[in-house]
N, C-alpha and C. Protein backbone atom coordinates (compact mmCIF):
# COMPACT_ATOMS: atom_id res chain seq x y z
N UNK A 1 66.12 -19.45 13.37
CA UNK A 1 65.76 -18.45 12.41
C UNK A 1 65.08 -17.28 13.09
N UNK A 2 64.19 -17.58 14.05
CA UNK A 2 63.51 -16.49 14.76
C UNK A 2 64.53 -15.56 15.41
N UNK A 3 65.56 -16.16 16.02
CA UNK A 3 66.58 -15.34 16.67
C UNK A 3 67.30 -14.47 15.64
N UNK A 4 67.60 -15.05 14.49
CA UNK A 4 68.28 -14.28 13.44
C UNK A 4 67.42 -13.12 12.97
N UNK A 5 66.12 -13.35 12.86
CA UNK A 5 65.23 -12.30 12.38
C UNK A 5 65.09 -11.18 13.40
N UNK A 6 65.21 -11.50 14.68
CA UNK A 6 65.11 -10.47 15.72
C UNK A 6 66.32 -9.54 15.72
N UNK A 7 67.40 -9.97 15.15
CA UNK A 7 68.62 -9.17 15.18
C UNK A 7 68.63 -8.04 14.18
N UNK A 8 67.61 -7.92 13.37
CA UNK A 8 67.49 -6.77 12.49
C UNK A 8 68.19 -6.93 11.16
N UNK A 9 69.02 -5.92 10.77
CA UNK A 9 69.62 -5.88 9.43
C UNK A 9 70.44 -7.11 9.07
N UNK A 10 71.00 -7.79 10.05
CA UNK A 10 71.80 -8.97 9.76
C UNK A 10 70.93 -10.18 9.41
N UNK A 11 69.62 -10.06 9.60
CA UNK A 11 68.72 -11.20 9.40
C UNK A 11 68.79 -11.74 7.98
N UNK A 12 68.80 -10.88 6.99
CA UNK A 12 68.83 -11.35 5.60
C UNK A 12 70.09 -12.15 5.32
N UNK A 13 71.22 -11.68 5.83
CA UNK A 13 72.46 -12.42 5.63
C UNK A 13 72.41 -13.76 6.35
N UNK A 14 71.82 -13.80 7.53
CA UNK A 14 71.71 -15.03 8.30
C UNK A 14 70.83 -16.04 7.55
N UNK A 15 69.71 -15.59 7.04
CA UNK A 15 68.77 -16.48 6.36
C UNK A 15 69.39 -17.04 5.09
N UNK A 16 70.18 -16.25 4.38
CA UNK A 16 70.83 -16.72 3.16
C UNK A 16 71.77 -17.88 3.42
N UNK A 17 72.29 -18.01 4.61
CA UNK A 17 73.21 -19.10 4.94
C UNK A 17 72.49 -20.40 5.29
N UNK A 18 71.21 -20.33 5.53
CA UNK A 18 70.45 -21.53 5.87
C UNK A 18 70.15 -22.34 4.62
N UNK A 19 70.16 -23.64 4.76
CA UNK A 19 69.77 -24.50 3.64
C UNK A 19 68.25 -24.53 3.55
N UNK A 20 67.74 -25.05 2.45
CA UNK A 20 66.29 -25.18 2.31
C UNK A 20 65.72 -26.10 3.39
N UNK A 21 66.45 -27.14 3.74
CA UNK A 21 65.99 -28.05 4.80
C UNK A 21 65.91 -27.31 6.12
N UNK A 22 66.93 -26.47 6.43
CA UNK A 22 66.91 -25.68 7.66
C UNK A 22 65.71 -24.74 7.68
N UNK A 23 65.46 -24.08 6.55
CA UNK A 23 64.33 -23.16 6.47
C UNK A 23 63.01 -23.90 6.65
N UNK A 24 62.88 -25.08 6.03
CA UNK A 24 61.65 -25.85 6.15
C UNK A 24 61.41 -26.28 7.59
N UNK A 25 62.44 -26.77 8.25
CA UNK A 25 62.31 -27.20 9.66
C UNK A 25 61.93 -26.02 10.54
N UNK A 26 62.57 -24.89 10.30
CA UNK A 26 62.27 -23.70 11.08
C UNK A 26 60.83 -23.25 10.86
N UNK A 27 60.39 -23.30 9.62
CA UNK A 27 59.03 -22.91 9.30
C UNK A 27 58.03 -23.82 10.00
N UNK A 28 58.28 -25.12 9.97
CA UNK A 28 57.37 -26.05 10.63
C UNK A 28 57.32 -25.79 12.13
N UNK A 29 58.49 -25.53 12.76
CA UNK A 29 58.51 -25.22 14.20
C UNK A 29 57.78 -23.91 14.47
N UNK A 30 58.04 -22.90 13.63
CA UNK A 30 57.40 -21.61 13.84
C UNK A 30 55.89 -21.66 13.63
N UNK A 31 55.45 -22.46 12.66
CA UNK A 31 54.00 -22.59 12.46
C UNK A 31 53.34 -23.25 13.66
N UNK A 32 53.99 -24.25 14.22
CA UNK A 32 53.45 -24.90 15.41
C UNK A 32 53.40 -23.90 16.57
N UNK A 33 54.45 -23.09 16.71
CA UNK A 33 54.47 -22.09 17.77
C UNK A 33 53.39 -21.04 17.54
N UNK A 34 53.23 -20.60 16.31
CA UNK A 34 52.17 -19.64 16.00
C UNK A 34 50.80 -20.21 16.31
N UNK A 35 50.61 -21.47 15.99
CA UNK A 35 49.33 -22.11 16.27
C UNK A 35 49.08 -22.15 17.77
N UNK A 36 50.10 -22.49 18.55
CA UNK A 36 49.95 -22.58 20.00
C UNK A 36 49.70 -21.21 20.63
N UNK A 37 50.33 -20.18 20.08
CA UNK A 37 50.21 -18.84 20.64
C UNK A 37 49.19 -17.97 19.92
N UNK A 38 48.62 -18.51 18.85
CA UNK A 38 47.75 -17.71 17.98
C UNK A 38 46.49 -17.22 18.63
N UNK A 39 45.84 -16.38 17.91
CA UNK A 39 44.58 -15.81 18.34
C UNK A 39 43.55 -16.90 18.57
N UNK A 40 42.69 -16.69 19.49
CA UNK A 40 41.61 -17.63 19.76
C UNK A 40 40.37 -17.27 18.93
N UNK A 41 40.48 -16.24 18.12
CA UNK A 41 39.38 -15.86 17.25
C UNK A 41 39.33 -16.79 16.05
N UNK A 42 38.12 -17.01 15.47
CA UNK A 42 38.04 -17.87 14.28
C UNK A 42 38.99 -17.39 13.18
N UNK A 43 39.69 -18.32 12.60
CA UNK A 43 40.63 -17.98 11.54
C UNK A 43 41.97 -17.50 12.03
N UNK A 44 42.14 -17.38 13.33
CA UNK A 44 43.37 -16.85 13.88
C UNK A 44 44.43 -17.89 14.13
N UNK A 45 44.12 -19.14 13.96
CA UNK A 45 45.08 -20.21 14.22
C UNK A 45 45.43 -20.93 12.93
N UNK A 46 46.62 -21.49 12.89
CA UNK A 46 47.06 -22.19 11.68
C UNK A 46 46.11 -23.33 11.33
N UNK A 47 45.65 -24.07 12.34
CA UNK A 47 44.72 -25.17 12.08
C UNK A 47 43.44 -24.66 11.44
N UNK A 48 43.00 -23.47 11.83
CA UNK A 48 41.81 -22.88 11.22
C UNK A 48 42.04 -22.59 9.73
N UNK A 49 43.24 -22.13 9.41
CA UNK A 49 43.57 -21.84 8.01
C UNK A 49 43.60 -23.13 7.20
N UNK A 50 44.16 -24.19 7.77
CA UNK A 50 44.19 -25.48 7.07
C UNK A 50 42.77 -26.02 6.92
N UNK A 51 41.96 -25.90 7.96
CA UNK A 51 40.57 -26.36 7.90
C UNK A 51 39.79 -25.60 6.84
N UNK A 52 40.04 -24.31 6.73
CA UNK A 52 39.36 -23.50 5.73
C UNK A 52 39.72 -24.00 4.33
N UNK A 53 41.01 -24.26 4.09
CA UNK A 53 41.44 -24.77 2.79
C UNK A 53 40.85 -26.15 2.52
N UNK A 54 40.83 -26.99 3.54
CA UNK A 54 40.27 -28.33 3.42
C UNK A 54 38.78 -28.27 3.06
N UNK A 55 38.06 -27.37 3.69
CA UNK A 55 36.62 -27.24 3.43
C UNK A 55 36.32 -26.79 2.01
N UNK A 56 37.28 -26.17 1.34
CA UNK A 56 37.09 -25.74 -0.05
C UNK A 56 37.22 -26.89 -1.05
N UNK A 57 37.79 -28.01 -0.60
CA UNK A 57 38.02 -29.15 -1.49
C UNK A 57 36.75 -29.95 -1.73
N UNK A 58 36.69 -30.61 -2.89
CA UNK A 58 35.58 -31.55 -3.10
C UNK A 58 35.88 -32.83 -2.33
N UNK A 59 34.90 -33.70 -2.24
CA UNK A 59 35.01 -34.91 -1.42
C UNK A 59 36.18 -35.80 -1.86
N UNK A 60 36.42 -35.91 -3.16
CA UNK A 60 37.50 -36.75 -3.66
C UNK A 60 38.87 -36.24 -3.23
N UNK A 61 39.09 -34.94 -3.35
CA UNK A 61 40.37 -34.36 -2.93
C UNK A 61 40.56 -34.48 -1.42
N UNK A 62 39.48 -34.31 -0.68
CA UNK A 62 39.56 -34.47 0.78
C UNK A 62 40.03 -35.88 1.13
N UNK A 63 39.46 -36.86 0.46
CA UNK A 63 39.82 -38.25 0.77
C UNK A 63 41.28 -38.53 0.43
N UNK A 64 41.74 -38.02 -0.69
CA UNK A 64 43.14 -38.23 -1.07
C UNK A 64 44.07 -37.56 -0.05
N UNK A 65 43.72 -36.36 0.40
CA UNK A 65 44.54 -35.69 1.40
C UNK A 65 44.54 -36.48 2.70
N UNK A 66 43.39 -36.96 3.13
CA UNK A 66 43.33 -37.77 4.36
C UNK A 66 44.21 -39.01 4.23
N UNK A 67 44.09 -39.72 3.11
CA UNK A 67 44.87 -40.95 2.92
C UNK A 67 46.36 -40.67 2.82
N UNK A 68 46.74 -39.52 2.29
CA UNK A 68 48.16 -39.19 2.18
C UNK A 68 48.79 -38.95 3.56
N UNK A 69 47.97 -38.74 4.57
CA UNK A 69 48.51 -38.45 5.91
C UNK A 69 49.20 -39.66 6.54
N UNK A 70 49.02 -40.86 5.99
CA UNK A 70 49.68 -42.04 6.57
C UNK A 70 51.17 -42.08 6.24
N UNK A 71 51.63 -41.24 5.32
CA UNK A 71 53.02 -41.24 4.90
C UNK A 71 53.82 -40.22 5.72
N UNK A 72 54.82 -40.70 6.44
CA UNK A 72 55.65 -39.82 7.27
C UNK A 72 56.62 -39.02 6.41
N UNK A 73 57.03 -39.56 5.29
CA UNK A 73 57.95 -38.86 4.39
C UNK A 73 57.26 -38.56 3.07
N UNK A 74 58.06 -38.47 2.03
CA UNK A 74 57.45 -38.20 0.73
C UNK A 74 56.89 -39.49 0.14
N UNK A 75 56.07 -39.35 -0.89
CA UNK A 75 55.37 -40.48 -1.47
C UNK A 75 55.05 -40.18 -2.92
N UNK A 76 54.82 -41.25 -3.68
CA UNK A 76 54.48 -41.12 -5.08
C UNK A 76 53.00 -41.39 -5.29
N UNK A 77 52.51 -41.10 -6.49
CA UNK A 77 51.09 -41.35 -6.78
C UNK A 77 50.70 -42.81 -6.58
N UNK A 78 51.61 -43.74 -6.93
CA UNK A 78 51.31 -45.16 -6.78
C UNK A 78 51.14 -45.53 -5.31
N UNK A 79 51.85 -44.86 -4.43
CA UNK A 79 51.73 -45.13 -2.99
C UNK A 79 50.35 -44.72 -2.47
N UNK A 80 49.93 -43.53 -2.84
CA UNK A 80 48.61 -43.06 -2.41
C UNK A 80 47.52 -43.92 -3.03
N UNK A 81 47.71 -44.30 -4.29
CA UNK A 81 46.72 -45.14 -4.96
C UNK A 81 46.54 -46.46 -4.21
N UNK A 82 47.63 -47.02 -3.71
CA UNK A 82 47.55 -48.28 -2.96
C UNK A 82 46.77 -48.10 -1.66
N UNK A 83 46.89 -46.94 -1.03
CA UNK A 83 46.16 -46.68 0.22
C UNK A 83 44.69 -46.38 -0.08
N UNK A 84 44.43 -45.69 -1.17
CA UNK A 84 43.04 -45.39 -1.55
C UNK A 84 42.28 -46.66 -1.93
N UNK A 85 42.94 -47.52 -2.69
CA UNK A 85 42.36 -48.79 -3.16
C UNK A 85 41.08 -48.58 -3.95
N UNK A 86 41.02 -47.51 -4.71
CA UNK A 86 39.86 -47.26 -5.57
C UNK A 86 40.24 -46.28 -6.68
N UNK A 87 39.46 -46.27 -7.73
CA UNK A 87 39.70 -45.35 -8.83
C UNK A 87 40.93 -45.74 -9.64
N UNK A 88 41.20 -44.93 -10.63
CA UNK A 88 42.35 -45.19 -11.51
C UNK A 88 43.59 -44.49 -10.99
N UNK A 89 44.73 -44.97 -11.43
CA UNK A 89 45.99 -44.33 -11.06
C UNK A 89 46.05 -42.91 -11.61
N UNK A 90 45.48 -42.71 -12.78
CA UNK A 90 45.46 -41.38 -13.39
C UNK A 90 44.64 -40.42 -12.55
N UNK A 91 43.51 -40.89 -12.03
CA UNK A 91 42.65 -40.05 -11.19
C UNK A 91 43.37 -39.69 -9.88
N UNK A 92 44.11 -40.64 -9.32
CA UNK A 92 44.89 -40.37 -8.10
C UNK A 92 45.96 -39.32 -8.38
N UNK A 93 46.68 -39.47 -9.50
CA UNK A 93 47.72 -38.50 -9.86
C UNK A 93 47.12 -37.11 -10.06
N UNK A 94 45.97 -37.04 -10.70
CA UNK A 94 45.30 -35.74 -10.91
C UNK A 94 44.86 -35.13 -9.59
N UNK A 95 44.39 -35.96 -8.67
CA UNK A 95 43.97 -35.46 -7.35
C UNK A 95 45.17 -34.91 -6.58
N UNK A 96 46.29 -35.61 -6.65
CA UNK A 96 47.49 -35.12 -5.97
C UNK A 96 47.91 -33.77 -6.53
N UNK A 97 47.85 -33.63 -7.86
CA UNK A 97 48.20 -32.34 -8.45
C UNK A 97 47.19 -31.27 -8.02
N UNK A 98 45.93 -31.64 -7.88
CA UNK A 98 44.93 -30.70 -7.38
C UNK A 98 45.25 -30.21 -5.98
N UNK A 99 45.76 -31.11 -5.14
CA UNK A 99 46.15 -30.72 -3.78
C UNK A 99 47.39 -29.82 -3.80
N UNK A 100 48.27 -30.03 -4.76
CA UNK A 100 49.41 -29.12 -4.94
C UNK A 100 48.88 -27.75 -5.35
N UNK A 101 47.93 -27.72 -6.27
CA UNK A 101 47.35 -26.46 -6.73
C UNK A 101 46.66 -25.70 -5.60
N UNK A 102 46.13 -26.43 -4.62
CA UNK A 102 45.50 -25.82 -3.45
C UNK A 102 46.50 -25.54 -2.32
N UNK A 103 47.79 -25.77 -2.60
CA UNK A 103 48.88 -25.52 -1.65
C UNK A 103 48.78 -26.39 -0.39
N UNK A 104 48.20 -27.58 -0.52
CA UNK A 104 48.12 -28.49 0.62
C UNK A 104 49.16 -29.60 0.53
N UNK A 105 49.73 -29.80 -0.65
CA UNK A 105 50.84 -30.72 -0.84
C UNK A 105 51.93 -30.00 -1.61
N UNK A 106 53.15 -30.50 -1.46
CA UNK A 106 54.28 -30.02 -2.25
C UNK A 106 54.68 -31.12 -3.22
N UNK A 107 55.16 -30.73 -4.39
CA UNK A 107 55.55 -31.68 -5.42
C UNK A 107 56.98 -31.39 -5.84
N UNK A 108 57.74 -32.48 -6.03
CA UNK A 108 59.09 -32.35 -6.59
C UNK A 108 59.29 -33.51 -7.55
N UNK A 109 60.16 -33.30 -8.50
CA UNK A 109 60.47 -34.37 -9.44
C UNK A 109 61.68 -35.14 -8.94
N UNK A 110 61.59 -36.45 -9.05
CA UNK A 110 62.70 -37.33 -8.68
C UNK A 110 62.94 -38.27 -9.85
N UNK A 111 63.95 -39.10 -9.74
CA UNK A 111 64.29 -40.02 -10.82
C UNK A 111 63.14 -40.92 -11.23
N UNK A 112 62.33 -41.34 -10.29
CA UNK A 112 61.22 -42.24 -10.57
C UNK A 112 59.91 -41.54 -10.87
N UNK A 113 59.91 -40.23 -10.95
CA UNK A 113 58.69 -39.48 -11.21
C UNK A 113 58.38 -38.51 -10.09
N UNK A 114 57.17 -37.98 -10.06
CA UNK A 114 56.86 -36.98 -9.05
C UNK A 114 56.79 -37.58 -7.65
N UNK A 115 57.21 -36.79 -6.67
CA UNK A 115 57.12 -37.16 -5.26
C UNK A 115 56.37 -36.03 -4.56
N UNK A 116 55.57 -36.38 -3.58
CA UNK A 116 54.75 -35.42 -2.88
C UNK A 116 55.04 -35.47 -1.39
N UNK A 117 54.79 -34.36 -0.72
CA UNK A 117 54.92 -34.29 0.73
C UNK A 117 54.06 -33.13 1.21
N UNK A 118 53.93 -33.04 2.54
CA UNK A 118 53.17 -31.92 3.10
C UNK A 118 53.85 -31.41 4.35
N UNK A 119 53.52 -30.21 4.73
CA UNK A 119 53.98 -29.70 6.01
C UNK A 119 53.36 -30.55 7.11
N UNK A 120 54.05 -30.67 8.20
CA UNK A 120 53.58 -31.51 9.30
C UNK A 120 52.23 -31.04 9.84
N UNK A 121 52.00 -29.74 9.87
CA UNK A 121 50.72 -29.23 10.38
C UNK A 121 49.56 -29.69 9.49
N UNK A 122 49.78 -29.77 8.18
CA UNK A 122 48.75 -30.24 7.25
C UNK A 122 48.59 -31.74 7.38
N UNK A 123 49.69 -32.45 7.49
CA UNK A 123 49.64 -33.91 7.66
C UNK A 123 48.89 -34.28 8.93
N UNK A 124 49.17 -33.58 10.02
CA UNK A 124 48.49 -33.85 11.29
C UNK A 124 47.00 -33.56 11.19
N UNK A 125 46.65 -32.46 10.54
CA UNK A 125 45.24 -32.13 10.35
C UNK A 125 44.54 -33.22 9.55
N UNK A 126 45.16 -33.63 8.44
CA UNK A 126 44.57 -34.67 7.59
C UNK A 126 44.46 -36.00 8.34
N UNK A 127 45.46 -36.31 9.16
CA UNK A 127 45.42 -37.53 9.96
C UNK A 127 44.28 -37.52 10.95
N UNK A 128 44.02 -36.38 11.54
CA UNK A 128 42.88 -36.25 12.46
C UNK A 128 41.57 -36.47 11.72
N UNK A 129 41.48 -35.90 10.54
CA UNK A 129 40.26 -36.08 9.74
C UNK A 129 40.11 -37.54 9.28
N UNK A 130 41.23 -38.22 9.03
CA UNK A 130 41.20 -39.63 8.66
C UNK A 130 40.56 -40.44 9.79
N UNK A 131 40.93 -40.13 11.00
CA UNK A 131 40.35 -40.80 12.17
C UNK A 131 38.88 -40.42 12.31
N UNK A 132 38.58 -39.12 12.20
CA UNK A 132 37.20 -38.64 12.34
C UNK A 132 36.25 -39.29 11.35
N UNK A 133 36.74 -39.58 10.15
CA UNK A 133 35.91 -40.18 9.10
C UNK A 133 35.84 -41.70 9.22
N UNK A 134 36.52 -42.27 10.20
CA UNK A 134 36.51 -43.72 10.39
C UNK A 134 37.30 -44.49 9.35
N UNK A 135 38.25 -43.83 8.71
CA UNK A 135 39.04 -44.45 7.63
C UNK A 135 40.44 -44.87 8.07
N UNK A 136 40.83 -44.53 9.28
CA UNK A 136 42.23 -44.70 9.70
C UNK A 136 42.68 -46.16 9.70
N UNK A 137 41.90 -47.05 10.28
CA UNK A 137 42.33 -48.45 10.38
C UNK A 137 42.54 -49.07 9.00
N UNK A 138 41.59 -48.88 8.09
CA UNK A 138 41.73 -49.44 6.74
C UNK A 138 42.90 -48.80 5.98
N UNK A 139 43.04 -47.48 6.09
CA UNK A 139 44.12 -46.80 5.38
C UNK A 139 45.48 -47.26 5.91
N UNK A 140 45.60 -47.40 7.21
CA UNK A 140 46.88 -47.85 7.78
C UNK A 140 47.17 -49.30 7.42
N UNK A 141 46.15 -50.12 7.36
CA UNK A 141 46.33 -51.52 6.96
C UNK A 141 46.79 -51.59 5.51
N UNK A 142 46.16 -50.84 4.62
CA UNK A 142 46.56 -50.84 3.21
C UNK A 142 47.96 -50.26 3.05
N UNK A 143 48.29 -49.24 3.85
CA UNK A 143 49.62 -48.65 3.80
C UNK A 143 50.67 -49.68 4.20
N UNK A 144 50.44 -50.41 5.28
CA UNK A 144 51.38 -51.44 5.74
C UNK A 144 51.54 -52.54 4.69
N UNK A 145 50.44 -52.97 4.08
CA UNK A 145 50.50 -53.99 3.04
C UNK A 145 51.30 -53.49 1.84
N UNK A 146 51.11 -52.24 1.48
CA UNK A 146 51.84 -51.65 0.35
C UNK A 146 53.34 -51.58 0.65
N UNK A 147 53.68 -51.17 1.86
CA UNK A 147 55.10 -51.10 2.23
C UNK A 147 55.73 -52.49 2.18
N UNK A 148 55.04 -53.48 2.73
CA UNK A 148 55.57 -54.85 2.69
C UNK A 148 55.74 -55.34 1.26
N UNK A 149 54.77 -55.07 0.41
CA UNK A 149 54.86 -55.48 -1.00
C UNK A 149 56.02 -54.78 -1.69
N UNK A 150 56.22 -53.52 -1.40
CA UNK A 150 57.33 -52.77 -1.98
C UNK A 150 58.66 -53.35 -1.55
N UNK A 151 58.79 -53.69 -0.28
CA UNK A 151 60.02 -54.29 0.24
C UNK A 151 60.28 -55.64 -0.40
N UNK A 152 59.25 -56.44 -0.53
CA UNK A 152 59.40 -57.78 -1.14
C UNK A 152 59.82 -57.70 -2.60
N UNK A 153 59.40 -56.65 -3.29
CA UNK A 153 59.70 -56.55 -4.72
C UNK A 153 61.10 -56.02 -5.00
N UNK A 154 61.81 -55.61 -3.98
CA UNK A 154 63.17 -55.06 -4.17
C UNK A 154 64.19 -56.14 -4.27
């Protein structure tokens, strides 16, 4: 995509031919490149922007975002609830929607209900915070148990 954009007027036509998946992958690569090459001034790096958004969240939303980082793909509210292992399912669903409202998660509707995902840069940031908070081992253990239970129930 970067190469297409450098070519000038043809860029719009080039971008229109890309699928949404192609655009998403390109965006994730470009964000990582921007972060690596970004300004060293505060707020000049993508991670700084994610940290700023994270710092605006209340403690409950922060925890839900951290726990959602264990999912490599998309996930449902019931999946995150299993990793959190606390509160009501309704509270977990509301927290996930709050993270969508803060542009830290993406939401799409599927046959079984809402599915959530995040950009890799946000997932990596949340995963680092999960480790920093000392929650990683328990969250990963609950995630593995949930996956096994899901497989057994099929």
